[in-house]
Amino acid sequence: MSETLDADDPTATAERVRAILGDGPVLALTGAGVSTDSGIPDYRGPGSPPRNPMTYQQFVGDAAFRRHYWARNHVGWRHMERTGCNDGHRALADLEAAGFLSAVVTQNVDTLHEVAGSRRVIDLHGRYDRVICLGCREVTARSSLDERLAELNPDFSVTVEDIELAPDADAVLSSTEGFRVADCGGCGGMLKPDIVYFGENVPKPRVEEAYTLVDEAAGLLVAGSSLTVFSGRRFVKRAAQQGKPVVILNRGATRCDDLAALTVDAGCSQVLRALAGPYAGPAWMEATTPLSTRTSVPET
């Protein structure tokens, strides 16, 4: 039977987490709840507004949907590139540097684990700082596309009042009519954020790599995910099937609470920092570098 804690005392909670997970190495699976303290709202946390994310089928099948998406993304990008990591991200980087964590598998696309100093990160759902052509499959930096979109839409306002940042660098705008969308500079094909949309599958090699990390880990620490989506839930099931301890740190219930040895109903940052405790190291020093200077080399 799963044990449940409310993290009124982060230090005592961290001690209980360590007692269950042991000395590691442990794999971390993270979701949007890790990034809420960076000002990025989650999709399904308590109090989150209802959302209707665009599906892959809508994006590729309707030019109006694509125009609406890119207009919103154009606004959201300006905010996201200035967003910094928080103490939860830094604590996970410290835990990895100390050998307690083997890696991070994240359902987020915000790249903040890497900014915080985590070295081995699987971006399960892709990255917001990359764009892929659905024709020639070339992957390019989102920052380059931003320059092209700005040239195509010089009068499009990026200081609107009815804006809400979403976890995929999206934003909500009242009107996007007239926004001009850029095509691939190489083949003229359709450009799409290098993000796994609803209706798409996570690339198989990425899934297999994450499964291998589960197999090699001594336990699994879930941080900031309701595990509603199967793409993350399957790793919890894999760990549980192997008899490995699972600890879930999340605000509210998750779909895998019954598989966890311990569930902690709390935000991530304070508990993760307490868990890192004496392992605190220099990972935070990289956190002040703007994301716009950290665009990674596209995968090949």
C-alpha atoms as a PDB file:
ATOM      1  CA  MET A   1       0.000   0.000   0.000  1.00  0.00           C
ATOM      2  CA  SER A   2       1.306   3.439  -0.943  1.00  0.00           C
ATOM      3  CA  GLU A   3       2.395   5.856   1.771  1.00  0.00           C
ATOM      4  CA  THR A   4       1.237   9.475   1.397  1.00  0.00           C
ATOM      5  CA  LEU A   5       2.854  12.598   2.823  1.00  0.00           C
ATOM      6  CA  ASP A   6       2.003  16.280   2.825  1.00  0.00           C
ATOM      7  CA  ALA A   7       5.322  18.097   2.685  1.00  0.00           C
ATOM      8  CA  ASP A   8       4.843  20.545   5.547  1.00  0.00           C
ATOM      9  CA  ASP A   9       8.422  19.727   6.538  1.00  0.00           C
ATOM     10  CA  PRO A  10      10.538  19.408   3.350  1.00  0.00           C
ATOM     11  CA  THR A  11      13.560  18.153   5.283  1.00  0.00           C
ATOM     12  CA  ALA A  12      11.654  15.295   6.929  1.00  0.00           C
ATOM     13  CA  THR A  13      10.007  14.481   3.603  1.00  0.00           C
ATOM     14  CA  ALA A  14      13.389  14.363   1.868  1.00  0.00           C
ATOM     15  CA  GLU A  15      14.695  11.969   4.513  1.00  0.00           C
ATOM     16  CA  ARG A  16      11.727   9.675   3.874  1.00  0.00           C
ATOM     17  CA  VAL A  17      12.304   9.842   0.120  1.00  0.00           C
ATOM     18  CA  ARG A  18      15.965   8.919   0.579  1.00  0.00           C
ATOM     19  CA  ALA A  19      15.012   6.059   2.879  1.00  0.00           C
ATOM     20  CA  ILE A  20      12.757   4.579   0.186  1.00  0.00           C
ATOM     21  CA  LEU A  21      14.951   5.191  -2.850  1.00  0.00           C
ATOM     22  CA  GLY A  22      18.227   4.282  -1.187  1.00  0.00           C
ATOM     23  CA  ASP A  23      21.591   5.434  -2.500  1.00  0.00           C
ATOM     24  CA  GLY A  24      20.623   5.239  -6.172  1.00  0.00           C
ATOM     25  CA  PRO A  25      21.369   5.760  -8.899  1.00  0.00           C
ATOM     26  CA  VAL A  26      17.760   6.797  -9.403  1.00  0.00           C
ATOM     27  CA  LEU A  27      16.092   7.957 -12.611  1.00  0.00           C
ATOM     28  CA  ALA A  28      14.017  11.160 -12.500  1.00  0.00           C
ATOM     29  CA  LEU A  29      10.878  11.549 -14.605  1.00  0.00           C
ATOM     30  CA  THR A  30       9.700  15.148 -14.662  1.00  0.00           C
ATOM     31  CA  GLY A  31       6.628  17.026 -15.849  1.00  0.00           C
ATOM     32  CA  ALA A  32       5.258  20.536 -16.010  1.00  0.00           C
ATOM     33  CA  GLY A  33       5.067  20.853 -12.227  1.00  0.00           C
ATOM     34  CA  VAL A  34       8.852  21.173 -12.071  1.00  0.00           C
ATOM     35  CA  SER A  35       8.696  24.350 -14.147  1.00  0.00           C
ATOM     36  CA  THR A  36       5.783  26.158 -12.489  1.00  0.00           C
ATOM     37  CA  ASP A  37       8.184  28.018 -10.179  1.00  0.00           C
ATOM     38  CA  SER A  38       9.811  29.398 -13.336  1.00  0.00           C
ATOM     39  CA  GLY A  39       6.524  31.018 -14.283  1.00  0.00           C
ATOM     40  CA  ILE A  40       5.438  28.366 -16.784  1.00  0.00           C
ATOM     41  CA  PRO A  41       1.947  27.095 -15.898  1.00  0.00           C
ATOM     42  CA  ASP A  42       1.181  23.416 -16.119  1.00  0.00           C
ATOM     43  CA  TYR A  43      -1.652  21.796 -18.030  1.00  0.00           C
ATOM     44  CA  ARG A  44      -3.310  19.695 -15.371  1.00  0.00           C
ATOM     45  CA  GLY A  45      -2.315  20.910 -11.921  1.00  0.00           C
ATOM     46  CA  PRO A  46      -4.893  22.006  -9.350  1.00  0.00           C
ATOM     47  CA  GLY A  47      -6.347  25.347 -10.394  1.00  0.00           C
ATOM     48  CA  SER A  48      -5.035  25.182 -13.954  1.00  0.00           C
ATOM     49  CA  PRO A  49      -7.492  26.530 -16.540  1.00  0.00           C
ATOM     50  CA  PRO A  50      -8.934  24.071 -19.063  1.00  0.00           C
ATOM     51  CA  ARG A  51      -6.813  23.801 -22.202  1.00  0.00           C
ATOM     52  CA  ASN A  52      -7.407  22.460 -25.676  1.00  0.00           C
ATOM     53  CA  PRO A  53      -3.955  21.829 -27.204  1.00  0.00           C
ATOM     54  CA  MET A  54      -3.758  21.736 -30.978  1.00  0.00           C
ATOM     55  CA  THR A  55      -3.413  18.237 -32.411  1.00  0.00           C
ATOM     56  CA  TYR A  56      -0.969  17.122 -35.077  1.00  0.00           C
ATOM     57  CA  GLN A  57      -3.866  16.453 -37.441  1.00  0.00           C
ATOM     58  CA  GLN A  58      -5.159  20.008 -37.026  1.00  0.00           C
ATOM     59  CA  PHE A  59      -1.724  21.499 -37.543  1.00  0.00           C
ATOM     60  CA  VAL A  60      -0.906  19.677 -40.777  1.00  0.00           C
ATOM     61  CA  GLY A  61      -4.446  19.617 -42.157  1.00  0.00           C
ATOM     62  CA  ASP A  62      -5.589  23.217 -41.840  1.00  0.00           C
ATOM     63  CA  ALA A  63      -3.661  26.347 -42.870  1.00  0.00           C
ATOM     64  CA  ALA A  64      -5.788  28.472 -40.518  1.00  0.00           C
ATOM     65  CA  PHE A  65      -4.786  26.304 -37.548  1.00  0.00           C
ATOM     66  CA  ARG A  66      -1.115  26.593 -38.516  1.00  0.00           C
ATOM     67  CA  ARG A  67      -1.360  30.378 -38.824  1.00  0.00           C
ATOM     68  CA  HIS A  68      -3.060  30.590 -35.430  1.00  0.00           C
ATOM     69  CA  TYR A  69      -0.450  28.344 -33.836  1.00  0.00           C
ATOM     70  CA  TRP A  70       2.586  30.187 -35.221  1.00  0.00           C
ATOM     71  CA  ALA A  71       1.141  33.573 -34.279  1.00  0.00           C
ATOM     72  CA  ARG A  72       0.653  32.444 -30.694  1.00  0.00           C
ATOM     73  CA  ASN A  73       4.037  30.732 -30.668  1.00  0.00           C
ATOM     74  CA  HIS A  74       5.667  33.903 -31.957  1.00  0.00           C
ATOM     75  CA  VAL A  75       4.450  35.710 -28.843  1.00  0.00           C
ATOM     76  CA  GLY A  76       5.161  32.822 -26.458  1.00  0.00           C
ATOM     77  CA  TRP A  77       8.727  32.467 -27.734  1.00  0.00           C
ATOM     78  CA  ARG A  78       9.612  35.990 -26.636  1.00  0.00           C
ATOM     79  CA  HIS A  79       8.668  35.090 -23.073  1.00  0.00           C
ATOM     80  CA  MET A  80      10.136  31.597 -23.033  1.00  0.00           C
ATOM     81  CA  GLU A  81      13.587  32.640 -24.178  1.00  0.00           C
ATOM     82  CA  ARG A  82      13.808  34.852 -21.085  1.00  0.00           C
ATOM     83  CA  THR A  83      12.572  32.159 -18.680  1.00  0.00           C
ATOM     84  CA  GLY A  84      15.118  30.791 -16.223  1.00  0.00           C
ATOM     85  CA  CYS A  85      15.410  27.559 -14.308  1.00  0.00           C
ATOM     86  CA  ASN A  86      14.319  27.325 -10.685  1.00  0.00           C
ATOM     87  CA  ASP A  87      15.668  25.654  -7.567  1.00  0.00           C
ATOM     88  CA  GLY A  88      13.958  22.371  -8.398  1.00  0.00           C
ATOM     89  CA  HIS A  89      15.839  22.154 -11.700  1.00  0.00           C
ATOM     90  CA  ARG A  90      19.092  23.060  -9.964  1.00  0.00           C
ATOM     91  CA  ALA A  91      18.518  20.494  -7.196  1.00  0.00           C
ATOM     92  CA  LEU A  92      18.086  17.719  -9.787  1.00  0.00           C
ATOM     93  CA  ALA A  93      21.330  18.799 -11.446  1.00  0.00           C
ATOM     94  CA  ASP A  94      23.073  18.659  -8.069  1.00  0.00           C
ATOM     95  CA  LEU A  95      21.676  15.175  -7.419  1.00  0.00           C
ATOM     96  CA  GLU A  96      22.975  13.997 -10.785  1.00  0.00           C
ATOM     97  CA  ALA A  97      26.412  15.512 -10.162  1.00  0.00           C
ATOM     98  CA  ALA A  98      26.522  13.682  -6.817  1.00  0.00           C
ATOM     99  CA  GLY A  99      25.646  10.327  -8.434  1.00  0.00           C
ATOM    100  CA  PHE A 100      22.240   9.997  -6.792  1.00  0.00           C
ATOM    101  CA  LEU A 101      20.471  10.536 -10.120  1.00  0.00           C
ATOM    102  CA  SER A 102      21.523   8.755 -13.281  1.00  0.00           C
ATOM    103  CA  ALA A 103      19.545  10.940 -15.695  1.00  0.00           C
ATOM    104  CA  VAL A 104      16.394  12.970 -16.228  1.00  0.00           C
ATOM    105  CA  VAL A 105      13.597  11.942 -18.577  1.00  0.00           C
ATOM    106  CA  THR A 106      11.445  15.020 -18.995  1.00  0.00           C
ATOM    107  CA  GLN A 107       8.019  15.490 -20.526  1.00  0.00           C
ATOM    108  CA  ASN A 108       8.734  19.230 -20.692  1.00  0.00           C
ATOM    109  CA  VAL A 109       9.966  21.007 -23.800  1.00  0.00           C
ATOM    110  CA  ASP A 110      11.375  24.095 -22.041  1.00  0.00           C
ATOM    111  CA  THR A 111      15.063  22.912 -21.912  1.00  0.00           C
ATOM    112  CA  LEU A 112      15.389  24.183 -18.317  1.00  0.00           C
ATOM    113  CA  HIS A 113      16.987  20.983 -16.995  1.00  0.00           C
ATOM    114  CA  GLU A 114      19.884  21.513 -19.356  1.00  0.00           C
ATOM    115  CA  VAL A 115      20.122  25.185 -18.420  1.00  0.00           C
ATOM    116  CA  ALA A 116      20.285  24.177 -14.744  1.00  0.00           C
ATOM    117  CA  GLY A 117      23.257  21.902 -15.388  1.00  0.00           C
ATOM    118  CA  SER A 118      21.750  18.430 -15.848  1.00  0.00           C
ATOM    119  CA  ARG A 119      24.020  16.516 -18.196  1.00  0.00           C
ATOM    120  CA  ARG A 120      21.988  13.498 -19.247  1.00  0.00           C
ATOM    121  CA  VAL A 121      18.504  14.570 -20.286  1.00  0.00           C
ATOM    122  CA  ILE A 122      16.022  12.845 -22.565  1.00  0.00           C
ATOM    123  CA  ASP A 123      13.566  15.389 -23.956  1.00  0.00           C
ATOM    124  CA  LEU A 124      10.730  12.912 -24.349  1.00  0.00           C
ATOM    125  CA  HIS A 125       8.364  15.321 -26.110  1.00  0.00           C
ATOM    126  CA  GLY A 126      11.002  17.319 -27.965  1.00  0.00           C
ATOM    127  CA  ARG A 127      12.342  20.840 -27.456  1.00  0.00           C
ATOM    128  CA  TYR A 128      10.743  24.219 -28.008  1.00  0.00           C
ATOM    129  CA  ASP A 129      14.033  25.713 -29.284  1.00  0.00           C
ATOM    130  CA  ARG A 130      14.047  23.603 -32.452  1.00  0.00           C
ATOM    131  CA  VAL A 131      11.954  23.563 -35.618  1.00  0.00           C
ATOM    132  CA  ILE A 132      11.622  20.661 -38.050  1.00  0.00           C
ATOM    133  CA  CYS A 133      10.609  20.653 -41.708  1.00  0.00           C
ATOM    134  CA  LEU A 134       7.978  17.997 -42.409  1.00  0.00           C
ATOM    135  CA  GLY A 135       9.267  17.776 -45.984  1.00  0.00           C
ATOM    136  CA  CYS A 136      13.061  17.454 -45.913  1.00  0.00           C
ATOM    137  CA  ARG A 137      13.210  16.775 -42.114  1.00  0.00           C
ATOM    138  CA  GLU A 138      15.904  19.413 -41.570  1.00  0.00           C
ATOM    139  CA  VAL A 139      16.066  20.597 -37.939  1.00  0.00           C
ATOM    140  CA  THR A 140      16.908  24.252 -37.333  1.00  0.00           C
ATOM    141  CA  ALA A 141      17.037  26.652 -34.396  1.00  0.00           C
ATOM    142  CA  ARG A 142      13.803  28.369 -33.358  1.00  0.00           C
ATOM    143  CA  SER A 143      15.763  31.597 -32.863  1.00  0.00           C
ATOM    144  CA  SER A 144      16.499  31.730 -36.597  1.00  0.00           C
ATOM    145  CA  LEU A 145      12.818  31.292 -37.404  1.00  0.00           C
ATOM    146  CA  ASP A 146      11.982  34.119 -35.007  1.00  0.00           C
ATOM    147  CA  GLU A 147      13.969  36.525 -37.175  1.00  0.00           C
ATOM    148  CA  ARG A 148      12.121  35.395 -40.295  1.00  0.00           C
ATOM    149  CA  LEU A 149       8.701  35.662 -38.654  1.00  0.00           C
ATOM    150  CA  ALA A 150       9.519  39.155 -37.419  1.00  0.00           C
ATOM    151  CA  GLU A 151      10.443  40.209 -40.969  1.00  0.00           C
ATOM    152  CA  LEU A 152       7.242  38.715 -42.384  1.00  0.00           C
ATOM    153  CA  ASN A 153       5.065  40.307 -39.692  1.00  0.00           C
ATOM    154  CA  PRO A 154       6.610  43.694 -38.822  1.00  0.00           C
ATOM    155  CA  ASP A 155       3.332  45.127 -37.525  1.00  0.00           C
ATOM    156  CA  PHE A 156       2.268  42.126 -35.447  1.00  0.00           C
ATOM    157  CA  SER A 157       2.049  43.132 -31.791  1.00  0.00           C
ATOM    158  CA  VAL A 158       3.964  41.089 -29.222  1.00  0.00           C
ATOM    159  CA  THR A 159       2.833  43.205 -26.288  1.00  0.00           C
ATOM    160  CA  VAL A 160      -0.832  42.229 -26.203  1.00  0.00           C
ATOM    161  CA  GLU A 161      -2.660  42.138 -22.885  1.00  0.00           C
ATOM    162  CA  ASP A 162      -4.612  38.922 -23.395  1.00  0.00           C
ATOM    163  CA  ILE A 163      -1.575  36.651 -23.364  1.00  0.00           C
ATOM    164  CA  GLU A 164      -1.104  33.499 -21.336  1.00  0.00           C
ATOM    165  CA  LEU A 165       2.094  31.490 -21.492  1.00  0.00           C
ATOM    166  CA  ALA A 166       1.654  27.760 -22.023  1.00  0.00           C
ATOM    167  CA  PRO A 167       4.170  24.931 -21.460  1.00  0.00           C
ATOM    168  CA  ASP A 168       5.003  24.579 -25.171  1.00  0.00           C
ATOM    169  CA  ALA A 169       6.017  28.224 -25.737  1.00  0.00           C
ATOM    170  CA  ASP A 170       2.469  28.777 -26.959  1.00  0.00           C
ATOM    171  CA  ALA A 171       0.361  31.783 -25.963  1.00  0.00           C
ATOM    172  CA  VAL A 172      -3.284  32.760 -26.121  1.00  0.00           C
ATOM    173  CA  LEU A 173      -4.188  35.719 -28.337  1.00  0.00           C
ATOM    174  CA  SER A 174      -7.547  37.205 -29.209  1.00  0.00           C
ATOM    175  CA  SER A 175      -6.872  37.461 -32.944  1.00  0.00           C
ATOM    176  CA  THR A 176      -4.234  36.064 -35.284  1.00  0.00           C
ATOM    177  CA  GLU A 177      -5.726  36.982 -38.648  1.00  0.00           C
ATOM    178  CA  GLY A 178      -3.208  38.279 -41.141  1.00  0.00           C
ATOM    179  CA  PHE A 179      -0.207  36.586 -39.562  1.00  0.00           C
ATOM    180  CA  ARG A 180       2.180  35.296 -42.239  1.00  0.00           C
ATOM    181  CA  VAL A 181       3.720  31.833 -41.720  1.00  0.00           C
ATOM    182  CA  ALA A 182       7.256  30.967 -42.860  1.00  0.00           C
ATOM    183  CA  ASP A 183       8.049  27.836 -44.872  1.00  0.00           C
ATOM    184  CA  CYS A 184      11.274  25.833 -44.928  1.00  0.00           C
ATOM    185  CA  GLY A 185      14.100  27.929 -46.362  1.00  0.00           C
ATOM    186  CA  GLY A 186      15.568  24.874 -48.047  1.00  0.00           C
ATOM    187  CA  CYS A 187      12.711  22.946 -49.665  1.00  0.00           C
ATOM    188  CA  GLY A 188       9.689  25.179 -49.081  1.00  0.00           C
ATOM    189  CA  GLY A 189       8.071  22.500 -46.911  1.00  0.00           C
ATOM    190  CA  MET A 190       5.870  22.910 -43.840  1.00  0.00           C
ATOM    191  CA  LEU A 191       7.648  23.920 -40.639  1.00  0.00           C
ATOM    192  CA  LYS A 192       6.588  22.560 -37.258  1.00  0.00           C
ATOM    193  CA  PRO A 193       8.046  22.960 -33.769  1.00  0.00           C
ATOM    194  CA  ASP A 194      10.233  19.946 -32.960  1.00  0.00           C
ATOM    195  CA  ILE A 195       7.705  18.943 -30.326  1.00  0.00           C
ATOM    196  CA  VAL A 196       5.542  15.829 -30.068  1.00  0.00           C
ATOM    197  CA  TYR A 197       1.965  16.983 -30.561  1.00  0.00           C
ATOM    198  CA  PHE A 198      -1.175  15.276 -29.371  1.00  0.00           C
ATOM    199  CA  GLY A 199      -1.856  12.662 -32.032  1.00  0.00           C
ATOM    200  CA  GLU A 200       1.852  11.995 -32.627  1.00  0.00           C
ATOM    201  CA  ASN A 201       4.034   9.248 -31.179  1.00  0.00           C
ATOM    202  CA  VAL A 202       7.271   9.789 -29.305  1.00  0.00           C
ATOM    203  CA  PRO A 203      10.106   8.603 -31.582  1.00  0.00           C
ATOM    204  CA  LYS A 204      10.861   4.956 -30.842  1.00  0.00           C
ATOM    205  CA  PRO A 205      14.638   5.381 -30.236  1.00  0.00           C
ATOM    206  CA  ARG A 206      13.845   7.997 -27.573  1.00  0.00           C
ATOM    207  CA  VAL A 207      11.405   5.639 -25.853  1.00  0.00           C
ATOM    208  CA  GLU A 208      13.864   2.746 -25.947  1.00  0.00           C
ATOM    209  CA  GLU A 209      16.616   4.898 -24.437  1.00  0.00           C
ATOM    210  CA  ALA A 210      14.297   5.890 -21.602  1.00  0.00           C
ATOM    211  CA  TYR A 211      13.315   2.261 -21.011  1.00  0.00           C
ATOM    212  CA  THR A 212      17.010   1.370 -20.766  1.00  0.00           C
ATOM    213  CA  LEU A 213      17.494   4.057 -18.128  1.00  0.00           C
ATOM    214  CA  VAL A 214      14.580   2.625 -16.141  1.00  0.00           C
ATOM    215  CA  ASP A 215      16.089  -0.850 -16.399  1.00  0.00           C
ATOM    216  CA  GLU A 216      19.475   0.380 -15.162  1.00  0.00           C
ATOM    217  CA  ALA A 217      18.132   2.517 -12.301  1.00  0.00           C
ATOM    218  CA  ALA A 218      17.649   1.441  -8.693  1.00  0.00           C
ATOM    219  CA  GLY A 219      14.395   3.375  -8.465  1.00  0.00           C
ATOM    220  CA  LEU A 220      12.265   6.084 -10.044  1.00  0.00           C
ATOM    221  CA  LEU A 221      11.556   9.590  -8.783  1.00  0.00           C
ATOM    222  CA  VAL A 222       8.596  11.299 -10.475  1.00  0.00           C
ATOM    223  CA  ALA A 223       8.535  15.078 -10.024  1.00  0.00           C
ATOM    224  CA  GLY A 224       5.747  17.380 -11.162  1.00  0.00           C
ATOM    225  CA  SER A 225       3.694  15.063 -13.349  1.00  0.00           C
ATOM    226  CA  SER A 226       0.117  13.878 -13.024  1.00  0.00           C
ATOM    227  CA  LEU A 227       1.085  10.968 -15.321  1.00  0.00           C
ATOM    228  CA  THR A 228      -2.103  11.482 -17.292  1.00  0.00           C
ATOM    229  CA  VAL A 229      -0.340  10.924 -20.607  1.00  0.00           C
ATOM    230  CA  PHE A 230       0.754   7.383 -21.462  1.00  0.00           C
ATOM    231  CA  SER A 231       4.112   8.544 -22.844  1.00  0.00           C
ATOM    232  CA  GLY A 232       5.325   9.145 -19.286  1.00  0.00           C
ATOM    233  CA  ARG A 233       3.124   6.702 -17.392  1.00  0.00           C
ATOM    234  CA  ARG A 234       4.643   3.669 -19.125  1.00  0.00           C
ATOM    235  CA  PHE A 235       8.000   4.225 -17.390  1.00  0.00           C
ATOM    236  CA  VAL A 236       6.389   4.171 -13.956  1.00  0.00           C
ATOM    237  CA  LYS A 237       4.664   0.911 -14.861  1.00  0.00           C
ATOM    238  CA  ARG A 238       7.967  -0.540 -16.070  1.00  0.00           C
ATOM    239  CA  ALA A 239       9.732   0.330 -12.831  1.00  0.00           C
ATOM    240  CA  ALA A 240       6.881  -1.071 -10.727  1.00  0.00           C
ATOM    241  CA  GLN A 241       6.837  -4.297 -12.731  1.00  0.00           C
ATOM    242  CA  GLN A 242      10.527  -4.699 -11.960  1.00  0.00           C
ATOM    243  CA  GLY A 243       9.862  -4.267  -8.253  1.00  0.00           C
ATOM    244  CA  LYS A 244      11.757  -1.000  -8.034  1.00  0.00           C
ATOM    245  CA  PRO A 245      10.687   1.718  -5.589  1.00  0.00           C
ATOM    246  CA  VAL A 246       8.730   4.605  -7.101  1.00  0.00           C
ATOM    247  CA  VAL A 247       8.335   7.966  -5.356  1.00  0.00           C
ATOM    248  CA  ILE A 248       5.901  10.523  -6.798  1.00  0.00           C
ATOM    249  CA  LEU A 249       6.214  14.214  -5.895  1.00  0.00           C
ATOM    250  CA  ASN A 250       3.309  16.185  -7.337  1.00  0.00           C
ATOM    251  CA  ARG A 251       0.553  18.600  -6.405  1.00  0.00           C
ATOM    252  CA  GLY A 252      -2.619  16.520  -6.483  1.00  0.00           C
ATOM    253  CA  ALA A 253      -3.298  12.910  -7.373  1.00  0.00           C
ATOM    254  CA  THR A 254      -1.685  11.085 -10.281  1.00  0.00           C
ATOM    255  CA  ARG A 255      -2.719   8.094 -12.363  1.00  0.00           C
ATOM    256  CA  CYS A 256       0.054   5.977 -10.843  1.00  0.00           C
ATOM    257  CA  ASP A 257      -0.380   6.662  -7.143  1.00  0.00           C
ATOM    258  CA  ASP A 258      -1.295   3.016  -6.628  1.00  0.00           C
ATOM    259  CA  LEU A 259       2.104   1.956  -8.011  1.00  0.00           C
ATOM    260  CA  ALA A 260       4.165   4.253  -5.797  1.00  0.00           C
ATOM    261  CA  ALA A 261       5.857   3.336  -2.535  1.00  0.00           C
ATOM    262  CA  LEU A 262       5.480   6.990  -1.531  1.00  0.00           C
ATOM    263  CA  THR A 263       3.405   9.890  -2.848  1.00  0.00           C
ATOM    264  CA  VAL A 264       4.134  13.447  -1.739  1.00  0.00           C
ATOM    265  CA  ASP A 265       1.421  16.034  -2.333  1.00  0.00           C
ATOM    266  CA  ALA A 266       3.533  19.160  -2.667  1.00  0.00           C
ATOM    267  CA  GLY A 267       5.334  21.481  -5.033  1.00  0.00           C
ATOM    268  CA  CYS A 268       8.680  20.342  -6.331  1.00  0.00           C
ATOM    269  CA  SER A 269      11.275  22.996  -5.588  1.00  0.00           C
ATOM    270  CA  GLN A 270      11.446  22.891  -1.797  1.00  0.00           C
ATOM    271  CA  VAL A 271      11.353  19.112  -1.508  1.00  0.00           C
ATOM    272  CA  LEU A 272      13.917  18.595  -4.271  1.00  0.00           C
ATOM    273  CA  ARG A 273      16.232  21.159  -2.708  1.00  0.00           C
ATOM    274  CA  ALA A 274      15.926  19.418   0.656  1.00  0.00           C
ATOM    275  CA  LEU A 275      16.616  16.106  -1.082  1.00  0.00           C
ATOM    276  CA  ALA A 276      19.751  17.528  -2.687  1.00  0.00           C
ATOM    277  CA  GLY A 277      20.781  18.894   0.727  1.00  0.00           C
ATOM    278  CA  PRO A 278      24.507  18.380   1.160  1.00  0.00           C
ATOM    279  CA  TYR A 279      24.936  17.669  -2.560  1.00  0.00           C
ATOM    280  CA  ALA A 280      24.389  21.332  -3.505  1.00  0.00           C
ATOM    281  CA  GLY A 281      27.089  22.228  -5.983  1.00  0.00           C
ATOM    282  CA  PRO A 282      27.987  24.650  -8.748  1.00  0.00           C
ATOM    283  CA  ALA A 283      25.198  23.643 -11.155  1.00  0.00           C
ATOM    284  CA  TRP A 284      23.283  26.830 -10.392  1.00  0.00           C
ATOM    285  CA  MET A 285      26.122  28.969 -11.766  1.00  0.00           C
ATOM    286  CA  GLU A 286      25.074  28.294 -15.351  1.00  0.00           C
ATOM    287  CA  ALA A 287      21.465  29.266 -14.705  1.00  0.00           C
ATOM    288  CA  THR A 288      21.891  32.969 -15.382  1.00  0.00           C
ATOM    289  CA  THR A 289      22.917  32.482 -19.014  1.00  0.00           C
ATOM    290  CA  PRO A 290      19.959  33.470 -21.235  1.00  0.00           C
ATOM    291  CA  LEU A 291      18.270  30.638 -23.089  1.00  0.00           C
ATOM    292  CA  SER A 292      18.696  32.489 -26.369  1.00  0.00           C
ATOM    293  CA  THR A 293      22.459  31.856 -26.162  1.00  0.00           C
ATOM    294  CA  ARG A 294      21.997  28.164 -25.352  1.00  0.00           C
ATOM    295  CA  THR A 295      20.310  26.855 -28.483  1.00  0.00           C
ATOM    296  CA  SER A 296      21.609  23.339 -28.836  1.00  0.00           C
ATOM    297  CA  VAL A 297      22.964  21.715 -31.950  1.00  0.00           C
ATOM    298  CA  PRO A 298      20.057  19.936 -33.697  1.00  0.00           C
ATOM    299  CA  GLU A 299      19.974  16.177 -33.470  1.00  0.00           C
ATOM    300  CA  THR A 300      21.120  14.319 -36.573  1.00  0.00           C
END
